Amino acid sequence: MELEVIEKNKYNLALIIRGISLEMINALRRIILSWIPAMAIDEVIILKNDSPLYDEILAHRIGLIPLKTDLDTYKLPSDCECGGFGCPSCQVSLTCEVVNDSKNNLIIYSGDLKSSDPNIVPVNPNIPIVKIGNGASLIFEAYATLGRSRKHVKWQPVSNIFFRYLPNITFESEKCSSCPDKCIVSRMCPESLYDFSDEKIPKLEKNYWNSCTLCKACERNCPEKAIKVDWEKDNYLFFIESDGVLPFNTILKKAFEIFFAEIDEFVEKLEQVEIQE
């Protein structure tokens, strides 16, 4: 398997993955979506709520605030020695106490949460929670734990993840000489994959594969059959969109750890069945 990074920043990672089967790359996608733990607020105790929102709605909004996650320090409640009751090894407490002493309305943001662990804080301090009026206040305690998005989407470690086939377009420009008018592809390609600096004969853009959606509009509408749209077998474009809960290297490393652990467990149970037979 070969990896090529084509884009990487704080919130986006784009890869070309070569030499991997469809089943394997989809397994990685599903593991990242559903099996990698992330930190999220799971319990909220409302002590005072003068906002327009009911306690239940407010708790729901608080629970969806993405939190930075430390997988090396904290354990899943099910794996903790406390049995999930709540201890410093599996739980982080966050508090919020805001009183509006001004004459105007006040917006309470995620940055107003005070965490017992400076490493477990909202990824963005500017996420609005609720607005309170003059003289109103909001006081609550919250407890965050590790969890998996199989149980609730608030524990999902990425915002989005998807893959698609790596396009492979064969373009025989010499066949275009017989077209009497400007190439019809200029009107039919929705992604503008062709360069029309030459009014008569177009050229395929260098990095066309990054935008091509394999719609085959150019192939279907080319009167000279000069275009062939296909994809490369076992080669894919892989995209991960993150909200900053976990760094990309941790996400990928953890995905393979979980994958190999599941394979080992499967082989172990299979051997047990064979012994019994």
Protein backbone atom coordinates (compact mmCIF):
# COMPACT_ATOMS: atom_id res chain seq x y z
CA MET A 1 0.00 0.00 0.00
CA GLU A 2 1.24 3.49 -0.90
CA LEU A 3 0.13 6.81 0.57
CA GLU A 4 0.47 10.25 -0.98
CA VAL A 5 -0.66 13.37 0.87
CA ILE A 6 -2.22 15.88 -1.51
CA GLU A 7 -3.65 18.26 1.10
CA LYS A 8 -3.15 18.66 4.84
CA ASN A 9 -4.13 21.44 7.20
CA LYS A 10 -5.67 21.71 10.65
CA TYR A 11 -9.11 20.49 9.59
CA ASN A 12 -8.63 18.64 6.28
CA LEU A 13 -6.56 15.70 5.11
CA ALA A 14 -6.64 14.37 1.54
CA LEU A 15 -4.71 11.26 0.51
CA ILE A 16 -4.15 9.10 -2.53
CA ILE A 17 -4.09 5.50 -1.35
CA ARG A 18 -2.79 2.95 -3.84
CA GLY A 19 -2.83 -0.83 -3.66
CA ILE A 20 -5.74 -1.25 -1.26
CA SER A 21 -8.95 -3.19 -1.79
CA LEU A 22 -12.40 -1.62 -1.65
CA GLU A 23 -13.28 -3.73 1.39
CA MET A 24 -10.17 -2.63 3.29
CA ILE A 25 -10.53 1.09 2.66
CA ASN A 26 -14.21 0.96 3.60
CA ALA A 27 -13.30 -0.91 6.80
CA LEU A 28 -10.88 1.91 7.70
CA ARG A 29 -13.58 4.48 7.04
CA ARG A 30 -16.08 2.68 9.27
CA ILE A 31 -13.52 2.16 12.06
CA ILE A 32 -12.64 5.87 12.08
CA LEU A 33 -16.33 6.82 12.12
CA SER A 34 -17.60 4.40 14.73
CA TRP A 35 -14.80 2.82 16.74
CA ILE A 36 -12.20 5.46 17.61
CA PRO A 37 -13.03 6.97 21.04
CA ALA A 38 -13.43 10.70 21.54
CA MET A 39 -14.21 12.89 24.53
CA ALA A 40 -17.66 14.44 24.91
CA ILE A 41 -19.89 15.71 27.70
CA ASP A 42 -22.18 12.89 28.78
CA GLU A 43 -23.79 14.28 31.93
CA VAL A 44 -24.98 17.80 32.75
CA ILE A 45 -26.27 19.02 36.10
CA ILE A 46 -28.17 22.30 35.71
CA LEU A 47 -28.00 24.33 38.92
CA LYS A 48 -29.56 27.53 37.61
CA ASN A 49 -30.96 28.27 34.18
CA ASP A 50 -32.50 31.66 33.40
CA SER A 51 -32.08 31.23 29.65
CA PRO A 52 -35.02 30.77 27.20
CA LEU A 53 -34.05 27.11 26.64
CA TYR A 54 -35.37 24.16 28.62
CA ASP A 55 -32.80 22.25 30.65
CA GLU A 56 -33.03 19.25 28.29
CA ILE A 57 -32.36 21.33 25.17
CA LEU A 58 -29.52 23.15 26.88
CA ALA A 59 -27.91 19.88 27.98
CA HIS A 60 -28.19 18.55 24.43
CA ARG A 61 -26.39 21.61 23.02
CA ILE A 62 -23.65 21.35 25.64
CA GLY A 63 -23.12 17.66 24.88
CA LEU A 64 -22.48 18.38 21.20
CA ILE A 65 -19.58 20.77 21.86
CA PRO A 66 -16.45 19.02 20.46
CA LEU A 67 -13.72 18.59 23.07
CA LYS A 68 -10.01 18.02 22.57
CA THR A 69 -9.21 14.40 23.39
CA ASP A 70 -6.28 12.69 25.10
CA LEU A 71 -6.41 8.95 24.44
CA ASP A 72 -3.18 8.27 26.34
CA THR A 73 -4.43 9.65 29.67
CA TYR A 74 -8.07 8.60 29.81
CA LYS A 75 -9.83 5.25 29.54
CA LEU A 76 -13.24 4.26 28.34
CA PRO A 77 -15.63 3.99 31.32
CA SER A 78 -16.15 0.31 30.49
CA ASP A 79 -12.39 -0.31 30.72
CA CYS A 80 -11.77 1.74 33.87
CA GLU A 81 -11.15 0.18 37.29
CA CYS A 82 -14.00 2.27 38.73
CA GLY A 83 -16.45 0.39 36.53
CA GLY A 84 -17.68 3.56 34.85
CA PHE A 85 -18.77 5.19 38.09
CA GLY A 86 -16.55 8.20 37.35
CA CYS A 87 -12.96 8.84 38.43
CA PRO A 88 -10.01 10.98 37.29
CA SER A 89 -8.92 8.16 34.97
CA CYS A 90 -12.09 8.19 32.88
CA GLN A 91 -13.90 11.45 33.60
CA VAL A 92 -13.28 15.22 33.30
CA SER A 93 -15.44 17.80 35.02
CA LEU A 94 -16.36 21.12 33.43
CA THR A 95 -18.21 23.98 35.08
CA CYS A 96 -19.89 27.15 33.88
CA GLU A 97 -21.03 30.05 36.04
CA VAL A 98 -22.06 33.17 34.16
CA VAL A 99 -24.10 36.09 35.51
CA ASN A 100 -25.20 38.88 33.19
CA ASP A 101 -24.70 42.15 35.07
CA SER A 102 -24.94 44.30 31.94
CA LYS A 103 -28.04 45.98 30.51
CA ASN A 104 -27.76 44.04 27.25
CA ASN A 105 -28.23 40.43 26.33
CA LEU A 106 -25.19 38.19 26.83
CA ILE A 107 -24.17 35.21 24.70
CA ILE A 108 -22.54 32.35 26.58
CA TYR A 109 -19.85 30.59 24.55
CA SER A 110 -18.00 27.30 24.82
CA GLY A 111 -14.99 29.27 26.04
CA ASP A 112 -16.91 30.01 29.27
CA LEU A 113 -16.54 26.36 30.27
CA LYS A 114 -13.86 25.76 32.90
CA SER A 115 -12.26 22.33 32.72
CA SER A 116 -10.51 20.38 35.48
CA ASP A 117 -7.97 19.30 32.83
CA PRO A 118 -6.44 22.06 30.67
CA ASN A 119 -5.92 19.49 27.89
CA ILE A 120 -9.64 18.65 27.69
CA VAL A 121 -11.28 21.86 26.54
CA PRO A 122 -13.60 22.85 23.66
CA VAL A 123 -11.77 22.84 20.34
CA ASN A 124 -13.22 26.27 19.61
CA PRO A 125 -13.97 28.82 22.35
CA ASN A 126 -16.45 30.69 20.13
CA ILE A 127 -19.23 28.11 19.87
CA PRO A 128 -22.44 29.83 21.10
CA ILE A 129 -24.41 27.90 23.72
CA VAL A 130 -27.27 30.20 24.71
CA LYS A 131 -28.19 33.86 25.17
CA ILE A 132 -29.32 35.25 28.53
CA GLY A 133 -30.90 38.60 29.38
CA ASN A 134 -30.15 41.33 31.90
CA GLY A 135 -29.81 39.97 35.45
CA ALA A 136 -30.07 36.37 34.25
CA SER A 137 -27.53 33.65 35.02
CA LEU A 138 -26.52 30.17 33.94
CA ILE A 139 -24.79 27.76 36.31
CA PHE A 140 -24.15 24.10 35.57
CA GLU A 141 -21.72 21.24 36.06
CA ALA A 142 -20.82 18.85 33.27
CA TYR A 143 -18.87 15.60 33.09
CA ALA A 144 -17.07 14.41 29.97
CA THR A 145 -16.05 10.83 29.22
CA LEU A 146 -14.63 8.88 26.33
CA GLY A 147 -17.12 7.15 24.09
CA ARG A 148 -17.70 5.83 20.59
CA SER A 149 -20.07 7.23 17.99
CA ARG A 150 -21.69 3.79 17.69
CA LYS A 151 -23.58 4.91 20.77
CA HIS A 152 -23.97 8.63 20.03
CA VAL A 153 -22.69 10.92 17.29
CA LYS A 154 -21.27 13.39 19.84
CA TRP A 155 -18.37 10.93 20.26
CA GLN A 156 -17.53 10.94 16.56
CA PRO A 157 -13.82 11.82 16.15
CA VAL A 158 -14.23 13.37 12.66
CA SER A 159 -16.73 15.66 11.02
CA ASN A 160 -16.80 13.73 7.77
CA ILE A 161 -14.86 10.99 6.03
CA PHE A 162 -15.29 9.59 2.54
CA PHE A 163 -13.42 8.12 -0.40
CA ARG A 164 -13.87 7.80 -4.14
CA TYR A 165 -12.18 6.08 -7.03
CA LEU A 166 -9.07 7.70 -8.48
CA PRO A 167 -10.16 8.89 -11.97
CA ASN A 168 -8.22 7.98 -15.08
CA ILE A 169 -9.17 9.91 -18.23
CA THR A 170 -7.71 9.04 -21.62
CA PHE A 171 -7.95 12.00 -23.99
CA GLU A 172 -6.92 11.64 -27.64
CA SER A 173 -6.69 15.28 -28.70
CA GLU A 174 -5.66 14.38 -32.26
CA LYS A 175 -9.22 13.21 -32.92
CA CYS A 176 -10.48 16.72 -32.19
CA SER A 177 -9.22 18.08 -35.50
CA SER A 178 -12.32 16.83 -37.32
CA CYS A 179 -14.75 18.78 -35.12
CA PRO A 180 -16.06 21.78 -37.10
CA ASP A 181 -16.97 23.86 -34.05
CA LYS A 182 -15.57 24.51 -30.59
CA CYS A 183 -15.35 21.37 -28.48
CA ILE A 184 -18.70 20.40 -26.96
CA VAL A 185 -16.91 19.41 -23.72
CA SER A 186 -16.62 23.12 -22.86
CA ARG A 187 -20.37 23.08 -22.25
CA MET A 188 -20.81 19.56 -20.88
CA CYS A 189 -18.07 19.12 -18.23
CA PRO A 190 -19.48 20.40 -14.90
CA GLU A 191 -16.06 20.41 -13.20
CA SER A 192 -14.13 22.34 -15.90
CA LEU A 193 -11.45 19.68 -16.28
CA TYR A 194 -10.34 20.86 -19.73
CA ASP A 195 -8.20 23.85 -20.72
CA PHE A 196 -9.64 25.84 -23.62
CA SER A 197 -6.84 28.37 -24.08
CA ASP A 198 -6.70 26.94 -27.60
CA GLU A 199 -10.12 27.67 -29.07
CA LYS A 200 -10.02 24.62 -31.30
CA ILE A 201 -8.39 21.77 -29.35
CA PRO A 202 -8.77 21.52 -25.53
CA LYS A 203 -6.22 20.05 -23.16
CA LEU A 204 -6.84 17.98 -20.04
CA GLU A 205 -5.90 19.82 -16.84
CA LYS A 206 -2.84 18.41 -15.04
CA ASN A 207 -4.60 17.63 -11.73
CA TYR A 208 -7.97 16.73 -13.20
CA TRP A 209 -8.27 13.70 -10.90
CA ASN A 210 -8.69 15.98 -7.88
CA SER A 211 -11.99 17.37 -9.20
CA CYS A 212 -13.36 14.71 -11.53
CA THR A 213 -16.52 13.08 -10.19
CA LEU A 214 -16.64 10.34 -12.87
CA CYS A 215 -19.95 11.66 -14.20
CA LYS A 216 -18.77 10.73 -17.74
CA ALA A 217 -20.58 13.71 -19.28
CA CYS A 218 -17.54 14.45 -21.44
CA GLU A 219 -17.30 10.85 -22.66
CA ARG A 220 -20.99 10.55 -23.49
CA ASN A 221 -21.17 13.83 -25.41
CA CYS A 222 -17.90 13.75 -27.35
CA PRO A 223 -18.94 13.18 -31.00
CA GLU A 224 -15.47 11.90 -31.95
CA LYS A 225 -15.21 9.41 -29.05
CA ALA A 226 -11.87 10.98 -28.12
CA ILE A 227 -12.46 10.73 -24.36
CA LYS A 228 -12.49 7.62 -22.22
CA VAL A 229 -13.35 8.05 -18.52
CA ASP A 230 -12.35 5.21 -16.20
CA TRP A 231 -10.89 4.68 -12.73
CA GLU A 232 -7.80 2.98 -11.41
CA LYS A 233 -8.36 -0.38 -9.72
CA ASP A 234 -7.48 -0.44 -6.00
CA ASN A 235 -6.47 3.25 -6.05
CA TYR A 236 -8.60 5.78 -4.16
CA LEU A 237 -8.87 9.39 -3.07
CA PHE A 238 -9.41 9.43 0.70
CA PHE A 239 -10.69 12.53 2.51
CA ILE A 240 -10.98 13.24 6.25
CA GLU A 241 -12.60 16.40 7.62
CA SER A 242 -11.88 17.01 11.31
CA ASP A 243 -13.21 19.42 13.91
CA GLY A 244 -9.95 19.29 15.86
CA VAL A 245 -10.87 16.65 18.44
CA LEU A 246 -7.88 14.47 17.50
CA PRO A 247 -4.86 15.06 15.25
CA PHE A 248 -4.87 13.14 11.97
CA ASN A 249 -1.83 11.01 12.81
CA THR A 250 -3.55 9.81 16.00
CA ILE A 251 -6.76 9.02 14.10
CA LEU A 252 -4.98 6.89 11.49
CA LYS A 253 -2.72 5.15 14.01
CA LYS A 254 -5.65 4.30 16.27
CA ALA A 255 -7.69 3.04 13.31
CA PHE A 256 -5.05 0.45 12.43
CA GLU A 257 -4.60 -0.54 16.09
CA ILE A 258 -8.32 -1.25 16.36
CA PHE A 259 -8.35 -3.08 13.03
CA PHE A 260 -5.51 -5.44 13.98
CA ALA A 261 -7.02 -5.99 17.43
CA GLU A 262 -10.32 -7.05 15.84
CA ILE A 263 -8.50 -9.40 13.47
CA ASP A 264 -6.60 -10.99 16.38
CA GLU A 265 -9.83 -11.46 18.31
CA PHE A 266 -11.50 -13.04 15.28
CA VAL A 267 -8.62 -15.48 14.76
CA GLU A 268 -8.60 -16.37 18.45
CA LYS A 269 -12.32 -17.17 18.50
CA LEU A 270 -12.03 -19.10 15.27
CA GLU A 271 -9.31 -21.30 16.78
CA GLN A 272 -11.50 -21.92 19.83
CA VAL A 273 -14.34 -23.12 17.59
CA GLU A 274 -12.01 -25.46 15.70
CA ILE A 275 -10.74 -26.94 18.98
CA GLN A 276 -14.29 -27.60 20.18
CA GLU A 277 -15.16 -29.37 16.92
